[in-house]
């Protein structure tokens, strides 16, 4: 597993494990020094930019370990003399592991619905002892599990137990949402989806599966137009110091930092305007632009077509979702990492 050393002081080292990180920004929220930075969450989740969710400012950290203690997946570690600190004051340690009991019939439904693909059923076959059951082994990779509860909900015999990291509140403003699907593709728990509709039926742009949500806040960090708000109301596991953490987490998480630049290739650009229309920031500015009226509006906040090629109007309003690069037919626009200062 990839390891990134973020900082070291004396015999203590702060290590980041990007493969475990879900981009929730909880660590950033509790850091009193502002040493950690999160940004480009949607683009990272979509694998459209070569960077990690979390970066660090130099010289700010006091190695207090609050970030590592509140991380729900163990993506941050504080190591002393090379050994990770792990006790009941760390959320991912205090949280009850998602596990399978002997009641399991190895049907494989849990593996089918797991949003992280961390469940595997091995040796599945009809039992050879004369009983009407399936034999096999069901294994959950706890290094990737986000404790969403999909497996427990779908299990027909109640063989799986789990514990979520947080309780919370989720709000999405349908008037602001541009249905760019950044949140849907970022959510580690598959708690957001686009509902199908019938002819003439009006449905919400994004539907929230409350029972699957772990209230991590990754969706809010990823939304390019800030249509989503997630508030953590409680830390569920019985970790040491949970009341102090709940106090820190009570306010809404700060907005993510802009950690990417939009780059364009004028020679490759066809001037089709797909990126201008699809950009959620542009679409929010005017519904006519979102409907495809590219040339009827002179002012665009982020992207425009000028002299037959795309132009970035204002880098600072970019939501780092990379929707523009997804829709470009010739890869003439993309996101690049922006150095943290």
Protein backbone atom coordinates (compact mmCIF):
# COMPACT_ATOMS: atom_id res chain seq x y z
CA UNK A 1 0.00 0.00 0.00
CA UNK A 2 1.29 3.45 -0.95
CA UNK A 3 2.58 5.56 1.94
CA UNK A 4 3.26 9.29 1.95
CA UNK A 5 5.32 10.79 4.76
CA UNK A 6 3.70 14.15 5.51
CA UNK A 7 5.86 15.22 8.45
CA UNK A 8 8.33 14.02 11.05
CA UNK A 9 9.57 15.38 14.36
CA UNK A 10 12.00 13.62 16.65
CA UNK A 11 10.95 9.97 16.62
CA UNK A 12 7.35 10.65 15.47
CA UNK A 13 6.21 10.48 11.85
CA UNK A 14 2.93 11.42 10.24
CA UNK A 15 2.07 9.02 7.43
CA UNK A 16 -0.75 9.31 4.87
CA UNK A 17 -2.24 6.23 3.19
CA UNK A 18 -4.04 7.56 0.07
CA UNK A 19 -5.65 4.24 -0.79
CA UNK A 20 -7.56 4.31 2.50
CA UNK A 21 -8.59 7.96 2.22
CA UNK A 22 -12.18 8.73 1.17
CA UNK A 23 -11.78 12.50 0.80
CA UNK A 24 -14.07 13.41 3.68
CA UNK A 25 -11.91 16.21 5.06
CA UNK A 26 -12.68 15.34 8.69
CA UNK A 27 -8.97 15.57 9.52
CA UNK A 28 -8.81 19.05 7.99
CA UNK A 29 -11.79 20.14 10.06
CA UNK A 30 -10.25 19.20 13.41
CA UNK A 31 -6.74 20.54 12.69
CA UNK A 32 -6.36 23.68 14.82
CA UNK A 33 -3.25 24.80 12.94
CA UNK A 34 -4.68 24.56 9.42
CA UNK A 35 -1.77 22.31 8.48
CA UNK A 36 -3.79 19.91 6.33
CA UNK A 37 -5.37 20.84 3.02
CA UNK A 38 -8.05 19.04 1.02
CA UNK A 39 -9.07 19.89 -2.51
CA UNK A 40 -10.01 18.60 -5.97
CA UNK A 41 -11.98 15.84 -4.23
CA UNK A 42 -14.29 15.19 -7.17
CA UNK A 43 -11.47 15.08 -9.70
CA UNK A 44 -9.38 12.76 -7.51
CA UNK A 45 -12.35 10.43 -6.94
CA UNK A 46 -12.97 10.39 -10.69
CA UNK A 47 -9.25 9.73 -11.28
CA UNK A 48 -9.01 12.76 -13.54
CA UNK A 49 -6.07 14.39 -11.79
CA UNK A 50 -2.77 12.99 -10.59
CA UNK A 51 -2.83 13.91 -6.91
CA UNK A 52 -4.16 12.76 -3.53
CA UNK A 53 -7.10 14.10 -1.56
CA UNK A 54 -4.91 15.39 1.28
CA UNK A 55 -1.81 17.60 1.18
CA UNK A 56 0.08 19.39 3.91
CA UNK A 57 1.45 22.87 4.52
CA UNK A 58 5.02 22.92 5.73
CA UNK A 59 5.94 24.10 9.21
CA UNK A 60 2.45 24.27 10.74
CA UNK A 61 1.99 20.85 12.37
CA UNK A 62 2.51 20.24 16.10
CA UNK A 63 2.03 16.44 15.75
CA UNK A 64 -0.94 16.52 18.12
CA UNK A 65 -2.42 13.50 16.28
CA UNK A 66 -6.00 14.84 16.25
CA UNK A 67 -6.20 14.26 12.50
CA UNK A 68 -5.19 10.62 12.81
CA UNK A 69 -7.48 10.03 15.79
CA UNK A 70 -10.63 11.20 14.00
CA UNK A 71 -9.94 9.62 10.60
CA UNK A 72 -12.74 7.06 10.06
CA UNK A 73 -10.68 4.81 7.80
CA UNK A 74 -7.21 4.95 9.34
CA UNK A 75 -5.79 6.81 6.34
CA UNK A 76 -3.60 8.91 8.63
CA UNK A 77 -1.13 7.42 11.07
CA UNK A 78 1.17 8.82 13.72
CA UNK A 79 4.09 6.46 14.11
CA UNK A 80 6.47 6.49 17.06
CA UNK A 81 9.78 4.80 16.36
CA UNK A 82 8.21 3.37 13.22
CA UNK A 83 5.16 1.83 14.95
CA UNK A 84 1.66 3.21 14.44
CA UNK A 85 -0.08 4.56 17.53
CA UNK A 86 -3.32 2.62 17.97
CA UNK A 87 -5.61 2.74 21.00
CA UNK A 88 -9.23 3.55 21.87
CA UNK A 89 -8.62 7.26 21.30
CA UNK A 90 -8.44 6.52 17.56
CA UNK A 91 -11.84 6.33 15.85
CA UNK A 92 -10.94 3.56 13.41
CA UNK A 93 -9.64 1.45 16.32
CA UNK A 94 -12.63 2.09 18.61
CA UNK A 95 -15.10 1.36 15.83
CA UNK A 96 -16.46 -2.19 15.87
CA UNK A 97 -15.17 -4.01 12.78
CA UNK A 98 -17.60 -5.09 10.11
CA UNK A 99 -17.60 -8.86 10.48
CA UNK A 100 -19.36 -12.01 9.37
CA UNK A 101 -20.70 -14.63 11.78
CA UNK A 102 -21.08 -18.37 11.37
CA UNK A 103 -24.68 -17.83 10.23
CA UNK A 104 -23.39 -16.76 6.82
CA UNK A 105 -24.74 -18.84 3.92
CA UNK A 106 -22.14 -17.47 1.47
CA UNK A 107 -24.79 -16.34 -1.00
CA UNK A 108 -22.60 -13.50 -2.24
CA UNK A 109 -25.20 -10.73 -2.05
CA UNK A 110 -22.95 -8.68 0.24
CA UNK A 111 -20.10 -8.85 -2.29
CA UNK A 112 -22.46 -7.67 -5.04
CA UNK A 113 -23.60 -4.54 -3.20
CA UNK A 114 -20.38 -3.51 -1.42
CA UNK A 115 -19.52 -0.04 -2.77
CA UNK A 116 -15.80 -0.52 -2.11
CA UNK A 117 -15.59 -4.04 -3.51
CA UNK A 118 -13.96 -5.25 -0.31
CA UNK A 119 -15.96 -8.45 0.21
CA UNK A 120 -14.95 -11.73 -1.36
CA UNK A 121 -16.66 -15.12 -1.17
CA UNK A 122 -14.18 -17.97 -1.63
CA UNK A 123 -14.79 -21.64 -2.22
CA UNK A 124 -18.54 -21.19 -2.67
CA UNK A 125 -20.22 -24.52 -3.39
CA UNK A 126 -23.04 -26.74 -2.21
CA UNK A 127 -22.13 -28.30 1.14
CA UNK A 128 -20.98 -31.90 0.95
CA UNK A 129 -22.36 -33.03 4.32
CA UNK A 130 -25.92 -33.67 3.18
CA UNK A 131 -27.31 -30.37 4.48
CA UNK A 132 -29.16 -27.81 2.33
CA UNK A 133 -26.62 -25.01 2.60
CA UNK A 134 -23.71 -23.40 0.85
CA UNK A 135 -20.15 -23.91 2.02
CA UNK A 136 -17.38 -21.36 1.63
CA UNK A 137 -15.62 -18.42 3.26
CA UNK A 138 -16.78 -14.80 3.21
CA UNK A 139 -13.93 -12.36 3.77
CA UNK A 140 -14.17 -8.59 4.40
CA UNK A 141 -11.06 -6.51 3.72
CA UNK A 142 -11.17 -4.05 6.62
CA UNK A 143 -8.43 -1.94 5.03
CA UNK A 144 -10.98 -0.85 2.43
CA UNK A 145 -14.27 -1.11 4.37
CA UNK A 146 -15.99 2.22 5.10
CA UNK A 147 -18.61 0.70 7.46
CA UNK A 148 -21.61 1.86 5.45
CA UNK A 149 -23.81 -1.15 6.30
CA UNK A 150 -24.84 -2.18 2.78
CA UNK A 151 -23.69 -5.74 3.46
CA UNK A 152 -25.60 -6.01 6.74
CA UNK A 153 -28.75 -4.58 5.18
CA UNK A 154 -28.75 -7.02 2.27
CA UNK A 155 -27.72 -10.14 4.22
CA UNK A 156 -30.71 -12.55 4.21
CA UNK A 157 -29.72 -14.25 7.48
CA UNK A 158 -28.42 -11.31 9.53
CA UNK A 159 -24.89 -12.67 9.62
CA UNK A 160 -23.08 -9.31 9.34
CA UNK A 161 -22.62 -6.69 12.04
CA UNK A 162 -21.10 -3.24 11.68
CA UNK A 163 -20.83 0.19 13.27
CA UNK A 164 -20.88 3.53 11.48
CA UNK A 165 -18.36 6.24 12.37
CA UNK A 166 -20.74 9.21 12.52
CA UNK A 167 -24.34 10.25 12.86
CA UNK A 168 -25.27 13.39 11.03
CA UNK A 169 -27.45 15.53 8.82
CA UNK A 170 -27.44 15.75 5.03
CA UNK A 171 -28.89 18.61 2.98
CA UNK A 172 -28.79 19.22 -0.76
CA UNK A 173 -30.31 22.28 -2.45
CA UNK A 174 -32.04 21.06 -5.61
CA UNK A 175 -32.12 24.61 -6.99
CA UNK A 176 -28.34 24.95 -6.79
CA UNK A 177 -27.47 21.37 -7.80
CA UNK A 178 -26.49 21.05 -11.47
CA UNK A 179 -26.74 17.23 -11.62
CA UNK A 180 -23.06 16.91 -12.59
CA UNK A 181 -22.85 13.59 -10.69
CA UNK A 182 -19.63 14.57 -8.94
CA UNK A 183 -21.16 13.71 -5.56
CA UNK A 184 -22.56 10.41 -6.84
CA UNK A 185 -19.16 9.35 -8.16
CA UNK A 186 -17.34 10.56 -5.02
CA UNK A 187 -19.51 9.04 -2.28
CA UNK A 188 -17.58 6.09 -0.78
CA UNK A 189 -20.77 4.48 0.52
CA UNK A 190 -22.92 4.65 -2.63
CA UNK A 191 -25.37 6.70 -0.61
CA UNK A 192 -26.19 9.05 -3.51
CA UNK A 193 -27.74 8.14 -6.85
CA UNK A 194 -29.82 9.51 -9.72
CA UNK A 195 -33.37 8.24 -9.52
CA UNK A 196 -35.03 6.97 -12.69
CA UNK A 197 -38.20 8.75 -13.72
CA UNK A 198 -41.30 8.07 -15.76
CA UNK A 199 -42.63 10.23 -18.59
CA UNK A 200 -43.85 13.54 -17.23
CA UNK A 201 -42.56 12.82 -13.73
CA UNK A 202 -40.35 15.33 -11.94
CA UNK A 203 -37.87 13.84 -9.51
CA UNK A 204 -35.04 15.28 -7.44
CA UNK A 205 -31.71 15.52 -9.25
CA UNK A 206 -29.83 13.43 -6.68
CA UNK A 207 -31.41 11.06 -4.18
CA UNK A 208 -29.91 10.35 -0.76
CA UNK A 209 -29.85 6.83 0.68
CA UNK A 210 -29.99 7.78 4.35
CA UNK A 211 -29.33 4.29 5.67
CA UNK A 212 -26.12 3.93 3.66
CA UNK A 213 -24.72 7.39 4.47
CA UNK A 214 -21.80 7.54 6.90
CA UNK A 215 -21.98 11.37 7.04
CA UNK A 216 -18.33 11.66 6.16
CA UNK A 217 -18.88 14.81 4.08
CA UNK A 218 -16.92 13.76 0.99
CA UNK A 219 -19.88 14.74 -1.20
CA UNK A 220 -19.90 18.27 0.22
CA UNK A 221 -16.15 18.56 -0.31
CA UNK A 222 -16.56 17.43 -3.93
CA UNK A 223 -19.61 19.48 -4.98
CA UNK A 224 -18.36 22.20 -7.35
CA UNK A 225 -21.30 24.53 -6.64
CA UNK A 226 -21.64 23.95 -2.87
CA UNK A 227 -25.16 22.55 -3.16
CA UNK A 228 -24.51 19.97 -0.42
CA UNK A 229 -24.05 20.45 3.31
CA UNK A 230 -23.18 17.64 5.72
CA UNK A 231 -23.04 18.10 9.48
CA UNK A 232 -21.67 15.48 11.87
CA UNK A 233 -23.91 15.42 14.95
CA UNK A 234 -22.22 12.58 16.85
CA UNK A 235 -19.31 10.19 16.90
CA UNK A 236 -20.94 6.76 17.21
CA UNK A 237 -18.12 4.46 18.47
CA UNK A 238 -17.18 4.67 22.14
CA UNK A 239 -13.78 6.25 21.51
CA UNK A 240 -11.87 8.14 24.17
CA UNK A 241 -12.34 11.90 23.94
CA UNK A 242 -15.36 11.66 21.65
CA UNK A 243 -17.13 14.64 23.27
CA UNK A 244 -14.21 16.93 22.46
CA UNK A 245 -14.23 15.74 18.86
CA UNK A 246 -18.00 16.17 18.58
CA UNK A 247 -17.59 19.78 19.66
CA UNK A 248 -14.98 20.36 16.95
CA UNK A 249 -17.11 18.64 14.31
CA UNK A 250 -20.37 20.41 15.18
CA UNK A 251 -19.84 23.33 12.76
CA UNK A 252 -19.97 22.70 9.02
CA UNK A 253 -16.62 21.70 7.54
CA UNK A 254 -14.66 24.54 5.90
CA UNK A 255 -14.72 24.84 2.13
CA UNK A 256 -12.04 22.87 0.30
CA UNK A 257 -8.91 24.61 -0.97
CA UNK A 258 -8.42 25.11 -4.69
CA UNK A 259 -5.57 22.68 -5.32
CA UNK A 260 -5.73 22.44 -9.10
CA UNK A 261 -5.37 24.54 -12.25
CA UNK A 262 -7.43 24.26 -15.41
CA UNK A 263 -5.20 23.79 -18.44
CA UNK A 264 -6.23 23.99 -22.09
CA UNK A 265 -4.77 23.05 -25.45
CA UNK A 266 -5.85 25.69 -27.98
CA UNK A 267 -4.51 23.73 -30.94
CA UNK A 268 -6.47 20.61 -30.05
CA UNK A 269 -9.69 22.45 -29.07
CA UNK A 270 -12.54 22.22 -31.61
CA UNK A 271 -14.46 25.14 -30.11
CA UNK A 272 -17.53 22.94 -29.70
CA UNK A 273 -18.41 24.51 -26.36
CA UNK A 274 -19.35 21.23 -24.67
CA UNK A 275 -17.18 22.09 -21.67
CA UNK A 276 -18.67 25.58 -21.38
CA UNK A 277 -22.20 24.19 -21.27
CA UNK A 278 -21.45 21.20 -19.02
CA UNK A 279 -19.42 23.15 -16.44
CA UNK A 280 -21.55 23.17 -13.25
CA UNK A 281 -20.23 26.61 -12.24
CA UNK A 282 -21.22 28.04 -15.62
CA UNK A 283 -24.57 26.24 -15.57
CA UNK A 284 -25.41 27.65 -12.14
CA UNK A 285 -24.84 31.19 -13.41
CA UNK A 286 -27.62 30.99 -16.00
CA UNK A 287 -30.16 28.28 -16.85
CA UNK A 288 -30.06 29.23 -20.52
CA UNK A 289 -26.39 28.40 -20.65
CA UNK A 290 -27.09 25.08 -18.97
CA UNK A 291 -29.70 24.42 -21.64
CA UNK A 292 -27.10 24.87 -24.37
CA UNK A 293 -27.55 28.51 -25.40
CA UNK A 294 -23.82 28.97 -25.77
CA UNK A 295 -23.72 32.06 -27.97
CA UNK A 296 -26.66 33.99 -26.53
CA UNK A 297 -24.87 34.87 -23.30
CA UNK A 298 -21.77 37.02 -23.36
CA UNK A 299 -20.71 36.60 -19.74
CA UNK A 300 -19.57 33.27 -18.31
CA UNK A 301 -17.96 32.90 -14.87
CA UNK A 302 -15.48 30.10 -15.61
CA UNK A 303 -15.23 28.89 -19.20
CA UNK A 304 -16.04 30.44 -22.56
CA UNK A 305 -15.30 29.92 -26.24
CA UNK A 306 -13.41 32.86 -27.73
CA UNK A 307 -12.02 32.99 -31.28
CA UNK A 308 -12.92 29.36 -31.81
CA UNK A 309 -11.18 27.95 -28.75
CA UNK A 310 -11.89 27.46 -25.06
CA UNK A 311 -10.68 30.08 -22.59
CA UNK A 312 -10.54 30.02 -18.79
CA UNK A 313 -12.25 33.18 -17.54
CA UNK A 314 -11.46 32.87 -13.81
CA UNK A 315 -9.46 30.02 -12.28
CA UNK A 316 -10.50 30.95 -8.75
CA UNK A 317 -14.18 29.99 -9.18
CA UNK A 318 -13.40 26.47 -10.47
CA UNK A 319 -14.97 23.69 -8.40
CA UNK A 320 -12.29 21.16 -9.42
CA UNK A 321 -14.85 18.56 -10.51
CA UNK A 322 -13.23 17.96 -13.95
CA UNK A 323 -16.64 17.63 -15.64
CA UNK A 324 -15.22 19.71 -18.48
CA UNK A 325 -12.45 17.21 -19.16
CA UNK A 326 -14.90 14.31 -19.05
CA UNK A 327 -17.05 15.77 -21.81
CA UNK A 328 -14.26 17.11 -24.05
CA UNK A 329 -14.06 14.93 -27.19
CA UNK A 330 -10.39 15.75 -27.88
CA UNK A 331 -8.87 16.08 -24.38
CA UNK A 332 -8.25 19.78 -24.87
CA UNK A 333 -9.01 20.72 -21.26
CA UNK A 334 -7.86 19.10 -18.03
CA UNK A 335 -6.89 19.71 -14.40
CA UNK A 336 -3.33 19.86 -13.13
CA UNK A 337 -2.07 19.91 -9.57
CA UNK A 338 -1.65 23.31 -7.97
CA UNK A 339 1.04 23.66 -5.32
CA UNK A 340 -0.24 24.28 -1.79
CA UNK A 341 1.09 27.41 -0.10
